[in-house]
N, C-alpha and C. Protein backbone atom coordinates (compact mmCIF):
# COMPACT_ATOMS: atom_id res chain seq x y z
N MET A 1 30.46 -1.89 17.80
CA MET A 1 31.76 -1.13 17.64
C MET A 1 32.21 -1.09 19.33
N LYS A 2 33.02 -2.01 19.45
CA LYS A 2 34.24 -1.68 20.92
C LYS A 2 35.05 -0.34 20.76
N LYS A 3 34.72 0.34 21.88
CA LYS A 3 36.20 1.85 21.86
C LYS A 3 37.60 1.15 22.45
N GLY A 4 38.07 1.60 21.60
CA GLY A 4 39.57 1.16 21.81
C GLY A 4 40.11 1.68 23.01
N ASP A 5 41.33 1.12 23.45
CA ASP A 5 41.63 1.20 24.94
C ASP A 5 42.32 2.62 24.38
N LYS A 6 42.72 3.33 25.47
CA LYS A 6 43.64 4.83 25.46
C LYS A 6 44.49 4.23 25.81
N ASN A 7 44.94 3.57 26.16
CA ASN A 7 46.40 2.76 26.75
C ASN A 7 47.00 1.68 26.10
N SER A 8 46.63 1.88 25.11
CA SER A 8 47.38 1.06 23.99
C SER A 8 48.21 0.88 23.92
N GLY A 9 49.24 1.34 23.79
CA GLY A 9 51.05 1.65 23.53
C GLY A 9 51.14 2.06 22.76
N PHE A 10 50.91 2.52 21.38
CA PHE A 10 51.12 3.75 20.43
C PHE A 10 50.75 4.73 20.76
N LYS A 11 51.27 6.07 20.76
CA LYS A 11 51.86 7.20 20.35
C LYS A 11 51.66 8.13 19.26
N ILE A 12 51.27 8.61 19.04
CA ILE A 12 51.73 9.97 18.48
C ILE A 12 52.32 11.15 18.96
N PRO A 13 53.82 11.72 18.22
CA PRO A 13 54.60 12.92 19.01
C PRO A 13 53.97 14.00 18.85
N GLU A 14 53.71 14.74 19.64
CA GLU A 14 53.14 16.07 19.06
C GLU A 14 53.64 17.07 18.57
N ASP A 15 52.60 17.80 17.94
CA ASP A 15 52.16 18.58 16.26
C ASP A 15 52.77 17.52 15.27
N TYR A 16 52.57 16.48 15.15
CA TYR A 16 53.04 15.21 14.25
C TYR A 16 52.19 15.72 12.62
N LEU A 17 50.52 15.67 13.36
CA LEU A 17 49.86 16.06 11.98
C LEU A 17 49.61 17.36 11.32
N ASP A 18 49.79 18.27 12.67
CA ASP A 18 49.85 19.56 12.23
C ASP A 18 51.19 20.07 11.02
N THR A 19 52.18 19.50 11.53
CA THR A 19 53.57 19.23 10.05
C THR A 19 53.68 18.79 9.67
N PHE A 20 52.70 17.03 9.13
CA PHE A 20 53.04 16.15 8.17
C PHE A 20 53.02 16.95 6.87
N ASN A 21 52.14 18.17 6.56
CA ASN A 21 52.76 17.73 4.90
C ASN A 21 53.91 18.46 4.62
N ASP A 22 54.29 19.02 5.56
CA ASP A 22 55.13 20.02 5.62
C ASP A 22 56.59 19.32 5.03
N ASN A 23 56.46 18.56 5.92
CA ASN A 23 57.76 17.28 6.31
C ASN A 23 57.63 16.21 5.17
N LEU A 24 56.34 16.28 4.48
CA LEU A 24 56.84 14.82 3.86
C LEU A 24 57.17 15.74 2.52
N LEU A 25 56.10 17.43 2.31
CA LEU A 25 57.03 17.82 0.94
C LEU A 25 58.50 18.44 0.53
N ASN A 26 58.58 18.41 1.97
CA ASN A 26 60.44 19.03 1.94
C ASN A 26 61.47 17.69 1.90
N LYS A 27 60.81 16.56 2.16
CA LYS A 27 61.57 15.10 2.47
C LYS A 27 61.67 14.73 0.70
N ILE A 28 60.42 14.64 0.02
CA ILE A 28 60.13 15.31 -1.52
C ILE A 28 60.97 15.74 -2.66
N ALA A 29 61.26 17.08 -1.90
CA ALA A 29 62.42 17.91 -3.10
C ALA A 29 63.45 17.62 -2.17
N SER A 30 63.42 17.31 -1.40
CA SER A 30 65.51 17.31 -1.06
C SER A 30 65.88 15.87 -1.48
N GLU A 31 64.80 15.07 -2.00
CA GLU A 31 65.35 13.36 -1.82
C GLU A 31 66.66 13.49 -3.54
N ASP A 32 67.25 13.18 -3.59
CA ASP A 32 68.29 12.45 -4.42
C ASP A 32 67.19 11.70 -5.76
N GLN A 33 66.93 12.42 -7.26
CA GLN A 33 66.14 12.13 -8.09
C GLN A 33 66.86 10.88 -8.48
N SER A 34 67.95 10.45 -8.15
CA SER A 34 68.41 9.42 -9.02
C SER A 34 67.49 8.12 -8.60
N SER A 35 66.69 8.51 -7.90
CA SER A 35 66.10 7.08 -7.25
C SER A 35 64.92 6.74 -8.46
N ILE A 36 64.68 7.73 -9.19
CA ILE A 36 63.40 7.61 -10.05
C ILE A 36 64.62 7.09 -11.36
N PRO A 37 64.09 6.01 -11.60
CA PRO A 37 65.07 5.13 -13.23
C PRO A 37 64.81 6.25 -14.20
N LYS A 38 65.60 6.64 -14.98
CA LYS A 38 66.12 7.28 -16.41
C LYS A 38 65.48 6.88 -17.97
N ASN A 39 65.10 5.75 -17.48
CA ASN A 39 65.03 4.84 -18.80
C ASN A 39 63.90 3.45 -18.13
N GLU A 40 62.80 3.38 -19.19
CA GLU A 40 61.58 2.42 -18.29
C GLU A 40 63.07 1.30 -18.55
N GLY A 41 61.69 -0.09 -17.88
CA GLY A 41 62.46 -1.37 -17.35
C GLY A 41 62.69 -2.18 -18.54
N PHE A 42 61.55 -1.75 -19.31
CA PHE A 42 61.17 -2.73 -20.90
C PHE A 42 61.41 -2.88 -22.29
N LYS A 43 62.13 -3.76 -22.77
CA LYS A 43 62.38 -3.70 -24.23
C LYS A 43 61.38 -4.21 -24.63
N ILE A 44 61.44 -3.69 -25.98
CA ILE A 44 59.86 -4.58 -27.08
C ILE A 44 61.35 -4.71 -27.75
N PRO A 45 61.31 -6.33 -28.38
CA PRO A 45 61.94 -6.85 -29.21
C PRO A 45 61.59 -6.41 -30.69
N GLU A 46 62.72 -6.12 -31.48
CA GLU A 46 62.53 -5.28 -32.90
C GLU A 46 62.01 -6.71 -33.79
N ARG A 47 61.11 -5.87 -34.52
CA ARG A 47 60.03 -6.28 -34.92
C ARG A 47 59.29 -6.98 -34.61
N TYR A 48 58.78 -7.14 -33.05
CA TYR A 48 57.60 -7.38 -32.94
C TYR A 48 56.64 -6.90 -33.16
N PHE A 49 56.43 -5.67 -33.44
CA PHE A 49 54.88 -5.41 -33.85
C PHE A 49 54.56 -5.57 -35.16
N ASN A 50 55.69 -6.31 -36.19
CA ASN A 50 55.63 -6.66 -37.58
C ASN A 50 55.21 -7.90 -37.39
N SER A 51 55.24 -8.49 -36.69
CA SER A 51 54.30 -9.88 -36.58
C SER A 51 53.26 -10.58 -35.46
N LEU A 52 53.04 -9.31 -34.96
CA LEU A 52 52.00 -9.30 -33.20
C LEU A 52 50.78 -9.77 -34.74
N HIS A 53 50.79 -9.34 -35.58
CA HIS A 53 49.07 -9.38 -35.88
C HIS A 53 48.78 -10.96 -36.62
N LYS A 54 49.98 -11.48 -37.18
CA LYS A 54 50.26 -13.15 -37.21
C LYS A 54 49.82 -13.75 -36.45
N ASN A 55 51.08 -13.77 -35.45
CA ASN A 55 50.84 -14.02 -34.39
C ASN A 55 49.29 -14.55 -33.68
N ILE A 56 48.83 -13.41 -33.24
CA ILE A 56 47.08 -13.31 -32.82
C ILE A 56 46.57 -14.12 -33.87
N THR A 57 46.21 -14.16 -34.89
CA THR A 57 45.01 -14.53 -36.39
C THR A 57 45.36 -15.56 -35.99
N SER A 58 46.43 -16.35 -35.69
CA SER A 58 47.03 -17.78 -36.14
C SER A 58 46.65 -18.54 -35.04
N LYS A 59 46.43 -17.94 -33.37
CA LYS A 59 46.00 -18.27 -32.13
C LYS A 59 44.46 -18.75 -32.14
N LEU A 60 44.05 -16.79 -33.15
CA LEU A 60 42.26 -17.14 -33.36
C LEU A 60 41.72 -18.03 -33.95
N GLU A 61 42.30 -18.78 -35.00
CA GLU A 61 42.05 -19.77 -35.89
C GLU A 61 41.14 -20.56 -35.60
N GLU A 62 39.57 -21.31 -35.91
CA GLU A 62 39.47 -21.48 -35.44
C GLU A 62 39.22 -23.30 -36.07
N LYS A 63 39.69 -24.23 -35.68
CA LYS A 63 39.53 -25.21 -35.26
C LYS A 63 38.36 -26.27 -35.95
N PRO A 64 37.94 -26.75 -36.96
CA PRO A 64 36.50 -27.42 -36.77
C PRO A 64 36.34 -28.71 -35.55
N THR A 65 35.42 -28.37 -35.21
CA THR A 65 34.83 -29.21 -34.39
C THR A 65 34.06 -29.63 -34.97
N LYS A 66 33.72 -31.04 -34.22
CA LYS A 66 32.66 -31.87 -34.78
C LYS A 66 31.82 -31.21 -33.29
N ILE A 67 30.35 -31.60 -34.08
CA ILE A 67 29.17 -30.98 -33.32
C ILE A 67 28.42 -31.94 -33.45
N ILE A 68 27.79 -32.96 -32.22
CA ILE A 68 26.93 -33.36 -32.09
C ILE A 68 25.61 -32.95 -31.02
N THR A 69 24.83 -33.16 -32.48
CA THR A 69 23.71 -32.25 -31.74
C THR A 69 22.49 -33.57 -31.18
N LEU A 70 22.00 -32.96 -30.06
CA LEU A 70 21.38 -33.22 -28.67
C LEU A 70 19.67 -33.36 -29.11
N LYS A 71 19.45 -34.46 -29.18
CA LYS A 71 17.70 -34.06 -30.14
C LYS A 71 16.91 -33.70 -28.75
N SER A 72 16.47 -32.53 -28.48
CA SER A 72 15.32 -32.24 -26.63
C SER A 72 14.18 -32.79 -26.70
N TYR A 73 14.20 -33.90 -26.39
CA TYR A 73 12.38 -34.23 -26.61
C TYR A 73 11.11 -33.37 -25.62
N LYS A 74 12.66 -32.72 -24.62
CA LYS A 74 11.55 -32.35 -23.92
C LYS A 74 10.14 -31.48 -24.20
N LYS A 75 10.93 -30.04 -25.26
CA LYS A 75 10.02 -29.44 -25.87
C LYS A 75 8.84 -29.80 -26.40
N TYR A 76 8.64 -31.34 -27.01
CA TYR A 76 7.67 -32.08 -27.82
C TYR A 76 6.82 -32.52 -26.82
N TYR A 77 7.52 -32.71 -25.48
CA TYR A 77 6.31 -33.38 -24.64
C TYR A 77 5.22 -32.10 -24.05
N TYR A 78 6.52 -30.94 -23.30
CA TYR A 78 5.74 -29.42 -22.96
C TYR A 78 4.92 -29.24 -24.01
N SER A 79 4.94 -28.87 -25.65
CA SER A 79 4.01 -28.94 -26.21
C SER A 79 2.28 -29.76 -26.14
N ALA A 80 3.20 -30.87 -26.37
CA ALA A 80 1.77 -32.04 -26.09
C ALA A 80 1.24 -31.37 -25.14
N ILE A 81 1.50 -31.60 -23.83
CA ILE A 81 0.52 -31.45 -22.90
C ILE A 81 -0.06 -30.17 -22.81
N SER A 82 0.79 -29.00 -23.35
CA SER A 82 -0.23 -27.65 -23.41
C SER A 82 -1.48 -27.58 -24.21
N VAL A 83 -1.21 -28.65 -25.21
CA VAL A 83 -2.31 -29.04 -26.01
C VAL A 83 -2.99 -28.98 -25.18
N ALA A 84 -3.33 -30.61 -24.97
CA ALA A 84 -4.06 -31.32 -24.14
C ALA A 84 -5.08 -31.07 -23.09
N ALA A 85 -4.10 -29.91 -22.38
CA ALA A 85 -4.25 -29.02 -21.05
C ALA A 85 -5.53 -27.79 -21.75
N VAL A 86 -4.97 -27.12 -23.10
CA VAL A 86 -6.07 -26.38 -23.59
C VAL A 86 -7.56 -26.68 -24.13
N LEU A 87 -7.18 -28.16 -25.17
CA LEU A 87 -8.63 -28.67 -25.21
C LEU A 87 -8.84 -29.21 -24.29
N LEU A 88 -8.29 -29.89 -22.90
CA LEU A 88 -9.32 -29.79 -21.59
C LEU A 88 -9.79 -28.69 -21.28
N LEU A 89 -9.28 -27.77 -20.90
CA LEU A 89 -9.98 -26.79 -20.60
C LEU A 89 -10.95 -25.76 -21.48
N PHE A 90 -10.89 -26.18 -22.48
CA PHE A 90 -11.57 -25.45 -23.51
C PHE A 90 -13.42 -26.38 -23.60
N PHE A 91 -12.79 -27.36 -23.65
CA PHE A 91 -14.09 -28.61 -23.80
C PHE A 91 -15.24 -28.73 -22.16
N THR A 92 -13.56 -28.22 -21.23
CA THR A 92 -14.65 -28.43 -19.97
C THR A 92 -14.99 -27.08 -19.22
N ILE A 93 -14.73 -26.16 -19.94
CA ILE A 93 -14.84 -24.68 -19.36
C ILE A 93 -16.17 -23.77 -20.58
N GLN A 94 -16.83 -24.28 -21.37
CA GLN A 94 -16.93 -24.62 -23.01
C GLN A 94 -18.76 -23.41 -21.63
N PRO A 95 -19.46 -22.61 -21.99
CA PRO A 95 -20.51 -22.22 -21.37
C PRO A 95 -21.57 -22.97 -22.39
N LYS A 96 -22.38 -23.75 -21.71
CA LYS A 96 -24.02 -23.73 -21.74
C LYS A 96 -24.75 -22.99 -22.66
N LYS A 97 -24.84 -23.71 -23.84
CA LYS A 97 -25.99 -22.53 -24.29
C LYS A 97 -27.58 -24.08 -24.57
N SER A 98 -28.18 -22.46 -24.62
CA SER A 98 -29.75 -23.05 -24.03
C SER A 98 -30.28 -21.98 -25.23
N ASN A 99 -31.42 -22.37 -26.22
CA ASN A 99 -32.21 -22.48 -26.78
C ASN A 99 -33.65 -22.02 -26.35
N ASN A 100 -33.72 -23.12 -25.07
CA ASN A 100 -34.89 -22.88 -24.36
C ASN A 100 -35.44 -21.69 -23.29
N ILE A 101 -36.48 -20.86 -24.23
CA ILE A 101 -36.94 -20.18 -23.33
C ILE A 101 -37.74 -20.26 -22.23
N SER A 102 -37.96 -21.35 -21.75
CA SER A 102 -37.84 -22.16 -20.49
C SER A 102 -36.62 -21.90 -19.39
N ASP A 103 -35.50 -22.06 -19.92
CA ASP A 103 -34.14 -21.97 -19.00
C ASP A 103 -33.64 -20.69 -18.88
N LEU A 104 -34.19 -19.18 -19.69
CA LEU A 104 -34.15 -18.03 -18.83
C LEU A 104 -34.88 -17.41 -17.46
N ALA A 105 -34.39 -16.57 -17.01
CA ALA A 105 -34.52 -16.56 -15.46
C ALA A 105 -36.36 -15.31 -15.93
N SER A 106 -36.63 -15.48 -15.07
CA SER A 106 -37.79 -14.18 -15.14
C SER A 106 -37.18 -12.93 -15.03
N SER A 107 -36.25 -13.04 -14.25
CA SER A 107 -35.60 -12.06 -13.32
C SER A 107 -35.24 -11.37 -15.06
N GLU A 108 -34.44 -11.75 -16.27
CA GLU A 108 -33.88 -11.66 -17.42
C GLU A 108 -35.28 -11.39 -18.42
N ILE A 109 -36.26 -11.82 -18.45
CA ILE A 109 -37.40 -11.28 -19.10
C ILE A 109 -37.61 -10.27 -18.46
N ASP A 110 -38.13 -9.96 -16.56
CA ASP A 110 -38.35 -8.78 -16.98
C ASP A 110 -37.48 -7.77 -17.34
N ALA A 111 -36.17 -7.83 -16.75
CA ALA A 111 -35.32 -6.88 -17.14
C ALA A 111 -35.20 -6.27 -18.87
N TYR A 112 -35.50 -7.65 -19.79
CA TYR A 112 -35.85 -7.09 -21.15
C TYR A 112 -37.15 -6.41 -21.41
N PHE A 113 -38.55 -6.93 -20.64
CA PHE A 113 -39.75 -5.65 -20.88
C PHE A 113 -39.35 -4.47 -20.37
N GLU A 114 -38.29 -4.19 -19.38
CA GLU A 114 -38.44 -3.21 -18.72
C GLU A 114 -37.66 -1.58 -19.36
N ASP A 115 -36.33 -3.03 -19.80
CA ASP A 115 -34.97 -2.35 -21.22
C ASP A 115 -35.96 -1.86 -22.78
N THR A 116 -36.58 -2.49 -22.44
CA THR A 116 -37.45 -2.80 -24.56
C THR A 116 -38.69 -1.68 -24.12
N ASP A 117 -38.71 -0.50 -25.01
CA ASP A 117 -39.41 -0.04 -25.35
C ASP A 117 -40.48 -0.87 -26.22
N LEU A 118 -41.84 -1.60 -26.06
CA LEU A 118 -42.68 -2.21 -26.77
C LEU A 118 -43.65 -1.15 -27.51
N GLY A 119 -43.80 0.39 -26.81
CA GLY A 119 -44.61 1.27 -27.32
C GLY A 119 -46.16 0.98 -27.72
N LEU A 120 -46.23 -0.21 -26.33
CA LEU A 120 -47.30 -0.65 -25.60
C LEU A 120 -48.24 0.18 -24.57
N SER A 121 -49.25 0.44 -24.43
CA SER A 121 -49.50 0.86 -22.78
C SER A 121 -50.46 0.11 -22.07
N THR A 122 -50.42 -0.09 -20.82
CA THR A 122 -51.17 -1.25 -20.50
C THR A 122 -52.43 -1.57 -20.94
N TYR A 123 -53.76 -1.22 -21.35
CA TYR A 123 -54.18 -1.06 -21.63
C TYR A 123 -54.15 -2.21 -23.26
N GLU A 124 -53.43 -2.12 -24.34
CA GLU A 124 -53.33 -2.22 -25.27
C GLU A 124 -53.16 -4.11 -24.85
N ILE A 125 -52.31 -3.93 -23.87
CA ILE A 125 -51.54 -4.92 -23.39
C ILE A 125 -52.70 -5.68 -22.96
N ALA A 126 -53.45 -5.46 -22.30
CA ALA A 126 -54.69 -6.10 -21.56
C ALA A 126 -55.29 -6.59 -22.38
N GLU A 127 -55.75 -6.04 -23.15
CA GLU A 127 -56.66 -5.86 -24.62
C GLU A 127 -56.01 -7.78 -25.26
N VAL A 128 -54.93 -7.62 -25.33
CA VAL A 128 -54.48 -9.07 -26.19
C VAL A 128 -53.96 -10.02 -25.57
N ILE A 129 -54.04 -10.07 -23.51
CA ILE A 129 -53.92 -11.22 -22.87
C ILE A 129 -55.35 -11.50 -22.64
N PRO A 130 -55.86 -12.66 -23.18
CA PRO A 130 -56.81 -13.05 -22.84
C PRO A 130 -57.57 -13.60 -21.10
N VAL A 131 -58.34 -13.02 -20.31
CA VAL A 131 -58.50 -12.58 -19.44
C VAL A 131 -59.22 -13.88 -18.66
N ASP A 132 -59.59 -14.86 -19.48
CA ASP A 132 -60.57 -15.78 -18.85
C ASP A 132 -59.55 -16.95 -18.75
N ASP A 133 -58.81 -16.96 -19.61
CA ASP A 133 -57.96 -18.01 -18.84
C ASP A 133 -56.63 -17.78 -17.86
N LEU A 134 -56.73 -16.28 -17.56
CA LEU A 134 -55.57 -16.31 -16.62
C LEU A 134 -55.96 -16.13 -15.23
N GLU A 135 -55.02 -16.99 -14.51
CA GLU A 135 -55.34 -17.55 -13.18
C GLU A 135 -54.50 -16.70 -12.83
N LEU A 136 -54.80 -16.69 -11.14
CA LEU A 136 -53.88 -15.49 -10.62
C LEU A 136 -52.15 -16.23 -10.22
N ASP A 137 -52.37 -17.60 -10.13
CA ASP A 137 -50.90 -18.54 -9.99
C ASP A 137 -49.70 -17.80 -11.55
N ASP A 138 -50.72 -17.22 -12.38
CA ASP A 138 -50.01 -17.44 -13.91
C ASP A 138 -49.16 -15.77 -13.13
N VAL A 139 -49.64 -14.94 -12.32
CA VAL A 139 -49.18 -13.44 -12.47
C VAL A 139 -48.26 -13.62 -10.71
N LEU A 140 -48.59 -14.00 -10.58
CA LEU A 140 -48.04 -14.14 -8.78
C LEU A 140 -47.23 -14.77 -9.24
N GLU A 141 -45.65 -14.34 -8.49
CA GLU A 141 -44.51 -15.73 -8.57
C GLU A 141 -44.72 -16.60 -7.16
N THR A 142 -45.28 -16.36 -6.35
CA THR A 142 -45.52 -17.47 -5.34
C THR A 142 -46.95 -17.67 -4.85
N THR A 143 -47.33 -19.16 -4.86
CA THR A 143 -48.88 -19.30 -4.39
C THR A 143 -49.33 -18.57 -3.32
N ILE A 144 -50.64 -18.28 -3.22
CA ILE A 144 -50.93 -17.94 -1.66
C ILE A 144 -52.10 -18.81 -1.02
N ASN A 145 -51.70 -19.68 0.13
CA ASN A 145 -51.87 -20.87 0.96
C ASN A 145 -53.48 -19.78 1.73
N ASP A 146 -54.39 -20.75 1.71
CA ASP A 146 -55.30 -20.39 2.91
C ASP A 146 -55.16 -19.40 4.29
N GLU A 147 -54.45 -20.54 4.82
CA GLU A 147 -53.56 -20.20 5.93
C GLU A 147 -53.17 -18.48 6.15
N ASP A 148 -52.34 -18.29 4.89
CA ASP A 148 -52.09 -17.07 4.25
C ASP A 148 -53.00 -15.89 4.46
N ILE A 149 -54.29 -16.42 4.31
CA ILE A 149 -54.98 -15.15 4.08
C ILE A 149 -55.56 -15.17 5.26
N VAL A 150 -56.50 -15.92 5.90
CA VAL A 150 -56.53 -16.36 7.46
C VAL A 150 -55.86 -15.22 8.19
N ASN A 151 -54.57 -15.47 8.38
CA ASN A 151 -53.44 -14.46 8.96
C ASN A 151 -53.54 -12.67 8.77
N TYR A 152 -53.54 -12.84 7.41
CA TYR A 152 -53.75 -11.15 6.88
C TYR A 152 -54.96 -11.10 7.14
N LEU A 153 -56.27 -11.45 7.68
CA LEU A 153 -57.36 -11.08 7.77
C LEU A 153 -57.81 -10.77 9.40
N ASP A 154 -56.68 -11.70 9.65
CA ASP A 154 -56.82 -11.65 11.44
C ASP A 154 -56.15 -10.11 12.05
N ASP A 155 -54.76 -9.95 11.07
CA ASP A 155 -54.15 -8.76 11.42
C ASP A 155 -54.83 -7.90 11.54
N ASN A 156 -55.43 -7.41 9.99
CA ASN A 156 -56.15 -6.41 9.71
C ASN A 156 -57.66 -6.66 9.89
N ILE A 157 -58.90 -6.70 11.30
CA ILE A 157 -59.84 -7.12 11.56
C ILE A 157 -60.36 -5.66 11.76
N ASP A 158 -59.80 -4.85 11.63
CA ASP A 158 -60.31 -3.59 11.96
C ASP A 158 -61.28 -3.05 10.08
N TYR A 159 -60.42 -3.94 9.36
CA TYR A 159 -61.08 -3.10 7.05
C TYR A 159 -62.51 -4.89 7.20
N ILE A 160 -62.87 -5.23 7.72
CA ILE A 160 -63.12 -6.35 7.59
C ILE A 160 -65.03 -6.33 7.31
N ASN A 161 -65.07 -4.66 7.55
CA ASN A 161 -66.53 -4.48 6.60
C ASN A 161 -66.50 -3.79 5.56
N GLU A 162 -65.27 -3.67 4.70
CA GLU A 162 -64.76 -2.74 3.72
C GLU A 162 -64.78 -3.88 2.69
N LEU A 163 -64.76 -5.62 3.29
CA LEU A 163 -64.69 -6.82 2.36
C LEU A 163 -65.94 -6.95 1.68
N ASN A 164 -66.90 -7.17 2.95
CA ASN A 164 -68.24 -7.20 2.25
C ASN A 164 -68.13 -8.34 1.43
N ILE A 165 -67.78 -9.11 2.34
CA ILE A 165 -67.97 -10.92 2.00
C ILE A 165 -69.22 -11.96 1.67
N GLU A 166 -70.44 -11.27 2.57
CA GLU A 166 -71.89 -11.53 2.42
C GLU A 166 -72.74 -10.54 2.72
N SER A 167 -72.52 -10.13 1.12
CA SER A 167 -73.67 -8.98 0.81
C SER A 167 -74.47 -9.15 0.03
N ASP A 168 -75.80 -9.61 0.37
CA ASP A 168 -76.78 -9.55 -0.35
C ASP A 168 -77.31 -8.72 -1.15
N GLU A 169 -76.56 -7.96 -1.48
CA GLU A 169 -76.96 -6.95 -2.43
C GLU A 169 -76.52 -6.55 -3.54
N TYR A 170 -77.52 -7.20 -4.33
CA TYR A 170 -76.32 -7.32 -6.11
C TYR A 170 -77.33 -6.53 -7.37
C-alpha cells in the first residue's frame, strides 16, 4: 500500500483530537431541544388493525392453478442402465468355481497338510504309500537331468569315494 503524501493539503488544528470529545458533549448540551420533534411523524389510520388480518389473508389465499406433470423418463433410463451394469458385472466378475483337485495349487495342498493334524506319524504314512509304485519324479517337483548330476559330482569330487559306485562287495 502506498503511503500518503504528508503535504496533501489537509491539516488538523492543534489539540483538536484532545478536546474533540469535550466539544461534542458541550454542543449537544447547549443545543436547543426543539430540533428533536415532540411527536412522531407517522399516524396510523383509525381501525387499521381491525381490518389488517382480513387484508393479509385475502392476499395470501391460494388460487387454484392448473398443474401439468412432466414425466421424467431419465429416472427410468438411469435405473435400467444401473441394473444392466450390475448384471454385467455379476456375470463377468463371478469367480470361477472348480471342483477338480488337479486345479488346486501344490502350495495349497502343502498348507492343508501343515495346518491339519492328521494324527499320523511319518512311519504310518510310509506304510500306507506303496514304495514299489513310487518314482523319484512323484516326490520331487522338478526332474533332475543327467547333466545336473554330472555337474554336481564335478563340484563335489572330494566325496566320490563315499559314493561307492562300482563296488564289488555284496
